[in-house]
PDB file of N, CA and C in Angstrom:
ATOM      1  N   UNK A   1     244.003 147.845  81.771  1.00  0.00           N
ATOM      2  CA  UNK A   1     243.049 146.765  81.613  1.00  0.00           C
ATOM      3  C   UNK A   1     242.114 146.768  82.821  1.00  0.00           C
ATOM      4  N   UNK A   2     240.819 146.608  82.548  1.00  0.00           N
ATOM      5  CA  UNK A   2     239.802 146.635  83.605  1.00  0.00           C
ATOM      6  C   UNK A   2     239.399 145.206  83.976  1.00  0.00           C
ATOM      7  N   UNK A   3     239.450 144.889  85.259  1.00  0.00           N
ATOM      8  CA  UNK A   3     239.042 143.576  85.757  1.00  0.00           C
ATOM      9  C   UNK A   3     237.854 143.740  86.689  1.00  0.00           C
ATOM     10  N   UNK A   4     236.740 144.165  86.156  1.00  0.00           N
ATOM     11  CA  UNK A   4     235.560 144.402  86.968  1.00  0.00           C
ATOM     12  C   UNK A   4     234.543 143.283  86.852  1.00  0.00           C
ATOM     13  N   UNK A   5     233.504 143.424  87.605  1.00  0.00           N
ATOM     14  CA  UNK A   5     232.417 142.441  87.576  1.00  0.00           C
ATOM     15  C   UNK A   5     231.541 142.651  86.349  1.00  0.00           C
ATOM     16  N   UNK A   6     230.915 141.586  85.912  1.00  0.00           N
ATOM     17  CA  UNK A   6     229.956 141.668  84.824  1.00  0.00           C
ATOM     18  C   UNK A   6     228.624 141.172  85.352  1.00  0.00           C
ATOM     19  N   UNK A   7     227.586 141.911  85.095  1.00  0.00           N
ATOM     20  CA  UNK A   7     226.244 141.519  85.511  1.00  0.00           C
ATOM     21  C   UNK A   7     225.578 140.714  84.412  1.00  0.00           C
ATOM     22  N   UNK A   8     224.910 139.647  84.777  1.00  0.00           N
ATOM     23  CA  UNK A   8     224.174 138.798  83.850  1.00  0.00           C
ATOM     24  C   UNK A   8     222.708 138.823  84.242  1.00  0.00           C
ATOM     25  N   UNK A   9     221.843 138.853  83.262  1.00  0.00           N
ATOM     26  CA  UNK A   9     220.407 138.801  83.507  1.00  0.00           C
ATOM     27  C   UNK A   9     219.952 137.359  83.285  1.00  0.00           C
ATOM     28  N   UNK A  10     219.527 136.687  84.373  1.00  0.00           N
ATOM     29  CA  UNK A  10     219.204 135.263  84.335  1.00  0.00           C
ATOM     30  C   UNK A  10     217.812 135.030  84.911  1.00  0.00           C
ATOM     31  N   UNK A  11     217.045 134.161  84.262  1.00  0.00           N
ATOM     32  CA  UNK A  11     215.765 133.703  84.800  1.00  0.00           C
ATOM     33  C   UNK A  11     215.969 132.248  85.203  1.00  0.00           C
ATOM     34  N   UNK A  12     215.923 131.967  86.508  1.00  0.00           N
ATOM     35  CA  UNK A  12     216.195 130.639  87.033  1.00  0.00           C
ATOM     36  C   UNK A  12     214.969 129.727  87.086  1.00  0.00           C
ATOM     37  N   UNK A  13     213.842 130.188  86.566  1.00  0.00           N
ATOM     38  CA  UNK A  13     212.632 129.359  86.592  1.00  0.00           C
ATOM     39  C   UNK A  13     211.767 129.723  85.394  1.00  0.00           C
ATOM     40  N   UNK A  14     211.962 128.998  84.310  1.00  0.00           N
ATOM     41  CA  UNK A  14     211.254 129.303  83.075  1.00  0.00           C
ATOM     42  C   UNK A  14     210.665 128.019  82.499  1.00  0.00           C
ATOM     43  N   UNK A  15     209.411 128.094  82.087  1.00  0.00           N
ATOM     44  CA  UNK A  15     208.737 126.942  81.499  1.00  0.00           C
ATOM     45  C   UNK A  15     208.641 127.102  79.983  1.00  0.00           C
ATOM     46  N   UNK A  16     208.421 125.977  79.308  1.00  0.00           N
ATOM     47  CA  UNK A  16     208.171 125.957  77.867  1.00  0.00           C
ATOM     48  C   UNK A  16     206.781 125.365  77.648  1.00  0.00           C
ATOM     49  N   UNK A  17     206.300 125.339  76.418  1.00  0.00           N
ATOM     50  CA  UNK A  17     205.008 124.696  76.152  1.00  0.00           C
ATOM     51  C   UNK A  17     204.963 123.208  76.515  1.00  0.00           C
ATOM     52  N   UNK A  18     206.089 122.596  76.838  1.00  0.00           N
ATOM     53  CA  UNK A  18     206.082 121.199  77.289  1.00  0.00           C
ATOM     54  C   UNK A  18     205.411 121.052  78.651  1.00  0.00           C
ATOM     55  N   UNK A  19     205.350 122.133  79.421  1.00  0.00           N
ATOM     56  CA  UNK A  19     204.641 122.113  80.708  1.00  0.00           C
ATOM     57  C   UNK A  19     203.172 122.440  80.473  1.00  0.00           C
ATOM     58  N   UNK A  20     202.306 121.646  81.043  1.00  0.00           N
ATOM     59  CA  UNK A  20     200.867 121.839  80.830  1.00  0.00           C
ATOM     60  C   UNK A  20     200.376 123.204  81.283  1.00  0.00           C
ATOM     61  N   UNK A  21     201.041 123.810  82.247  1.00  0.00           N
ATOM     62  CA  UNK A  21     200.605 125.112  82.766  1.00  0.00           C
ATOM     63  C   UNK A  21     201.159 126.297  81.972  1.00  0.00           C
ATOM     64  N   UNK A  22     201.870 126.053  80.869  1.00  0.00           N
ATOM     65  CA  UNK A  22     202.465 127.149  80.098  1.00  0.00           C
ATOM     66  C   UNK A  22     201.405 128.015  79.438  1.00  0.00           C
ATOM     67  N   UNK A  23     200.409 127.379  78.818  1.00  0.00           N
ATOM     68  CA  UNK A  23     199.296 128.141  78.276  1.00  0.00           C
ATOM     69  C   UNK A  23     199.309 128.374  76.778  1.00  0.00           C
ATOM     70  N   UNK A  24     200.457 128.621  76.185  1.00  0.00           N
ATOM     71  CA  UNK A  24     200.523 128.928  74.751  1.00  0.00           C
ATOM     72  C   UNK A  24     201.216 127.760  74.041  1.00  0.00           C
ATOM     73  N   UNK A  25     200.437 126.819  73.549  1.00  0.00           N
ATOM     74  CA  UNK A  25     201.009 125.576  73.025  1.00  0.00           C
ATOM     75  C   UNK A  25     201.456 125.656  71.566  1.00  0.00           C
ATOM     76  N   UNK A  26     201.030 126.668  70.808  1.00  0.00           N
ATOM     77  CA  UNK A  26     201.381 126.734  69.386  1.00  0.00           C
ATOM     78  C   UNK A  26     202.623 127.576  69.106  1.00  0.00           C
ATOM     79  N   UNK A  27     203.400 127.859  70.103  1.00  0.00           N
ATOM     80  CA  UNK A  27     204.611 128.655  69.982  1.00  0.00           C
ATOM     81  C   UNK A  27     205.724 127.819  69.354  1.00  0.00           C
ATOM     82  N   UNK A  28     206.507 128.417  68.465  1.00  0.00           N
ATOM     83  CA  UNK A  28     207.643 127.709  67.867  1.00  0.00           C
ATOM     84  C   UNK A  28     208.882 127.903  68.744  1.00  0.00           C
ATOM     85  N   UNK A  29     209.871 127.051  68.507  1.00  0.00           N
ATOM     86  CA  UNK A  29     211.138 127.191  69.243  1.00  0.00           C
ATOM     87  C   UNK A  29     211.745 128.567  69.001  1.00  0.00           C
ATOM     88  N   UNK A  30     211.709 129.008  67.747  1.00  0.00           N
ATOM     89  CA  UNK A  30     212.297 130.303  67.400  1.00  0.00           C
ATOM     90  C   UNK A  30     211.563 131.459  68.082  1.00  0.00           C
ATOM     91  N   UNK A  31     210.239 131.407  68.105  1.00  0.00           N
ATOM     92  CA  UNK A  31     209.466 132.463  68.772  1.00  0.00           C
ATOM     93  C   UNK A  31     209.792 132.499  70.265  1.00  0.00           C
ATOM     94  N   UNK A  32     209.912 131.337  70.860  1.00  0.00           N
ATOM     95  CA  UNK A  32     210.242 131.239  72.286  1.00  0.00           C
ATOM     96  C   UNK A  32     211.618 131.870  72.555  1.00  0.00           C
ATOM     97  N   UNK A  33     212.616 131.480  71.768  1.00  0.00           N
ATOM     98  CA  UNK A  33     213.965 132.014  71.951  1.00  0.00           C
ATOM     99  C   UNK A  33     214.042 133.503  71.646  1.00  0.00           C
ATOM    100  N   UNK A  34     213.343 133.940  70.627  1.00  0.00           N
ATOM    101  CA  UNK A  34     213.346 135.358  70.277  1.00  0.00           C
ATOM    102  C   UNK A  34     212.766 136.201  71.408  1.00  0.00           C
ATOM    103  N   UNK A  35     211.709 135.714  72.032  1.00  0.00           N
ATOM    104  CA  UNK A  35     211.117 136.432  73.171  1.00  0.00           C
ATOM    105  C   UNK A  35     212.113 136.560  74.316  1.00  0.00           C
ATOM    106  N   UNK A  36     212.827 135.478  74.606  1.00  0.00           N
ATOM    107  CA  UNK A  36     213.850 135.515  75.659  1.00  0.00           C
ATOM    108  C   UNK A  36     214.912 136.559  75.329  1.00  0.00           C
ATOM    109  N   UNK A  37     215.369 136.563  74.093  1.00  0.00           N
ATOM    110  CA  UNK A  37     216.407 137.507  73.674  1.00  0.00           C
ATOM    111  C   UNK A  37     215.916 138.943  73.711  1.00  0.00           C
ATOM    112  N   UNK A  38     214.672 139.171  73.284  1.00  0.00           N
ATOM    113  CA  UNK A  38     214.110 140.520  73.292  1.00  0.00           C
ATOM    114  C   UNK A  38     213.984 141.069  74.705  1.00  0.00           C
ATOM    115  N   UNK A  39     213.834 140.188  75.670  1.00  0.00           N
ATOM    116  CA  UNK A  39     213.738 140.616  77.073  1.00  0.00           C
ATOM    117  C   UNK A  39     215.105 140.839  77.704  1.00  0.00           C
ATOM    118  N   UNK A  40     216.152 140.612  76.933  1.00  0.00           N
ATOM    119  CA  UNK A  40     217.503 140.897  77.397  1.00  0.00           C
ATOM    120  C   UNK A  40     218.090 139.866  78.334  1.00  0.00           C
ATOM    121  N   UNK A  41     217.548 138.662  78.331  1.00  0.00           N
ATOM    122  CA  UNK A  41     218.077 137.620  79.206  1.00  0.00           C
ATOM    123  C   UNK A  41     219.349 137.024  78.621  1.00  0.00           C
ATOM    124  N   UNK A  42     220.351 136.836  79.469  1.00  0.00           N
ATOM    125  CA  UNK A  42     221.612 136.222  79.048  1.00  0.00           C
ATOM    126  C   UNK A  42     221.595 134.714  79.230  1.00  0.00           C
ATOM    127  N   UNK A  43     220.773 134.233  80.144  1.00  0.00           N
ATOM    128  CA  UNK A  43     220.731 132.809  80.461  1.00  0.00           C
ATOM    129  C   UNK A  43     219.363 132.477  81.042  1.00  0.00           C
ATOM    130  N   UNK A  44     218.868 131.279  80.741  1.00  0.00           N
ATOM    131  CA  UNK A  44     217.617 130.812  81.335  1.00  0.00           C
ATOM    132  C   UNK A  44     217.800 129.379  81.828  1.00  0.00           C
ATOM    133  N   UNK A  45     217.000 129.023  82.816  1.00  0.00           N
ATOM    134  CA  UNK A  45     216.970 127.657  83.331  1.00  0.00           C
ATOM    135  C   UNK A  45     215.571 127.117  83.056  1.00  0.00           C
ATOM    136  N   UNK A  46     215.486 126.104  82.196  1.00  0.00           N
ATOM    137  CA  UNK A  46     214.198 125.501  81.855  1.00  0.00           C
ATOM    138  C   UNK A  46     213.788 124.577  83.002  1.00  0.00           C
ATOM    139  N   UNK A  47     212.603 124.820  83.556  1.00  0.00           N
ATOM    140  CA  UNK A  47     212.131 124.053  84.716  1.00  0.00           C
ATOM    141  C   UNK A  47     210.759 123.455  84.433  1.00  0.00           C
ATOM    142  N   UNK A  48     210.620 122.810  83.281  1.00  0.00           N
ATOM    143  CA  UNK A  48     209.344 122.193  82.924  1.00  0.00           C
ATOM    144  C   UNK A  48     208.986 121.083  83.905  1.00  0.00           C
ATOM    145  N   UNK A  49     207.697 120.859  84.057  1.00  0.00           N
ATOM    146  CA  UNK A  49     207.202 119.818  84.953  1.00  0.00           C
ATOM    147  C   UNK A  49     207.201 118.464  84.249  1.00  0.00           C
ATOM    148  N   UNK A  50     208.006 117.540  84.747  1.00  0.00           N
ATOM    149  CA  UNK A  50     208.036 116.154  84.272  1.00  0.00           C
ATOM    150  C   UNK A  50     208.310 116.019  82.779  1.00  0.00           C
ATOM    151  N   UNK A  51     209.084 116.913  82.220  1.00  0.00           N
ATOM    152  CA  UNK A  51     209.370 116.828  80.797  1.00  0.00           C
ATOM    153  C   UNK A  51     210.660 117.573  80.459  1.00  0.00           C
ATOM    154  N   UNK A  52     211.366 117.037  79.505  1.00  0.00           N
ATOM    155  CA  UNK A  52     212.506 117.763  78.920  1.00  0.00           C
ATOM    156  C   UNK A  52     212.343 117.773  77.404  1.00  0.00           C
ATOM    157  N   UNK A  53     211.084 117.683  76.964  1.00  0.00           N
ATOM    158  CA  UNK A  53     210.748 117.534  75.545  1.00  0.00           C
ATOM    159  C   UNK A  53     211.237 118.696  74.677  1.00  0.00           C
ATOM    160  N   UNK A  54     211.319 119.878  75.209  1.00  0.00           N
ATOM    161  CA  UNK A  54     211.690 121.041  74.394  1.00  0.00           C
ATOM    162  C   UNK A  54     213.192 121.324  74.384  1.00  0.00           C
ATOM    163  N   UNK A  55     213.957 120.675  75.213  1.00  0.00           N
ATOM    164  CA  UNK A  55     215.374 121.024  75.357  1.00  0.00           C
ATOM    165  C   UNK A  55     216.152 120.849  74.051  1.00  0.00           C
ATOM    166  N   UNK A  56     216.078 119.689  73.433  1.00  0.00           N
ATOM    167  CA  UNK A  56     216.835 119.457  72.195  1.00  0.00           C
ATOM    168  C   UNK A  56     216.370 120.371  71.065  1.00  0.00           C
ATOM    169  N   UNK A  57     215.059 120.583  70.962  1.00  0.00           N
ATOM    170  CA  UNK A  57     214.537 121.482  69.935  1.00  0.00           C
ATOM    171  C   UNK A  57     215.033 122.905  70.113  1.00  0.00           C
ATOM    172  N   UNK A  58     215.074 123.383  71.349  1.00  0.00           N
ATOM    173  CA  UNK A  58     215.589 124.729  71.621  1.00  0.00           C
ATOM    174  C   UNK A  58     217.075 124.814  71.309  1.00  0.00           C
ATOM    175  N   UNK A  59     217.816 123.795  71.695  1.00  0.00           N
ATOM    176  CA  UNK A  59     219.257 123.773  71.430  1.00  0.00           C
ATOM    177  C   UNK A  59     219.529 123.803  69.925  1.00  0.00           C
ATOM    178  N   UNK A  60     218.813 122.996  69.169  1.00  0.00           N
ATOM    179  CA  UNK A  60     218.977 122.954  67.716  1.00  0.00           C
ATOM    180  C   UNK A  60     218.608 124.287  67.080  1.00  0.00           C
ATOM    181  N   UNK A  61     217.498 124.867  67.518  1.00  0.00           N
ATOM    182  CA  UNK A  61     217.061 126.153  66.954  1.00  0.00           C
ATOM    183  C   UNK A  61     218.051 127.259  67.279  1.00  0.00           C
ATOM    184  N   UNK A  62     218.618 127.257  68.469  1.00  0.00           N
ATOM    185  CA  UNK A  62     219.612 128.262  68.841  1.00  0.00           C
ATOM    186  C   UNK A  62     220.857 128.147  67.962  1.00  0.00           C
ATOM    187  N   UNK A  63     221.290 126.928  67.668  1.00  0.00           N
ATOM    188  CA  UNK A  63     222.417 126.718  66.763  1.00  0.00           C
ATOM    189  C   UNK A  63     222.063 127.231  65.374  1.00  0.00           C
ATOM    190  N   UNK A  64     220.871 126.930  64.887  1.00  0.00           N
ATOM    191  CA  UNK A  64     220.444 127.427  63.574  1.00  0.00           C
ATOM    192  C   UNK A  64     220.405 128.956  63.525  1.00  0.00           C
ATOM    193  N   UNK A  65     219.925 129.574  64.581  1.00  0.00           N
ATOM    194  CA  UNK A  65     219.874 131.037  64.631  1.00  0.00           C
ATOM    195  C   UNK A  65     221.285 131.625  64.622  1.00  0.00           C
ATOM    196  N   UNK A  66     222.215 130.972  65.303  1.00  0.00           N
ATOM    197  CA  UNK A  66     223.596 131.450  65.335  1.00  0.00           C
ATOM    198  C   UNK A  66     224.235 131.330  63.958  1.00  0.00           C
ATOM    199  N   UNK A  67     223.957 130.229  63.249  1.00  0.00           N
ATOM    200  CA  UNK A  67     224.489 130.030  61.898  1.00  0.00           C
ATOM    201  C   UNK A  67     223.940 131.084  60.933  1.00  0.00           C
ATOM    202  N   UNK A  68     222.666 131.423  61.088  1.00  0.00           N
ATOM    203  CA  UNK A  68     222.022 132.402  60.198  1.00  0.00           C
ATOM    204  C   UNK A  68     222.397 133.847  60.485  1.00  0.00           C
ATOM    205  N   UNK A  69     222.996 134.077  61.658  1.00  0.00           N
ATOM    206  CA  UNK A  69     223.334 135.424  62.090  1.00  0.00           C
ATOM    207  C   UNK A  69     224.304 136.086  61.097  1.00  0.00           C
ATOM    208  N   UNK A  70     224.014 137.321  60.685  1.00  0.00           N
ATOM    209  CA  UNK A  70     224.920 138.002  59.751  1.00  0.00           C
ATOM    210  C   UNK A  70     226.293 138.236  60.385  1.00  0.00           C
ATOM    211  N   UNK A  71     227.323 138.177  59.579  1.00  0.00           N
ATOM    212  CA  UNK A  71     228.688 138.442  60.060  1.00  0.00           C
ATOM    213  C   UNK A  71     228.809 139.900  60.499  1.00  0.00           C
ATOM    214  N   UNK A  72     229.681 140.124  61.475  1.00  0.00           N
ATOM    215  CA  UNK A  72     229.963 141.490  61.858  1.00  0.00           C
ATOM    216  C   UNK A  72     229.585 141.764  63.194  1.00  0.00           C
TER     217      UNK A  72
END
């Protein structure tokens, strides 16, 4: 049995369209999450300015994506 370290790819400073400086306001929750996944990130920290408006929507969409995921 191997007890080695595991590397995680994490972005500790990520904004969503809830931050005025994000720039792309017509992005969907799914498009946002898909982009994160395509970049190979294992974890992100949302650091929006004065807002947590996107947190619940992202959480809900991630659950929906997990439910839709094919078995196997």
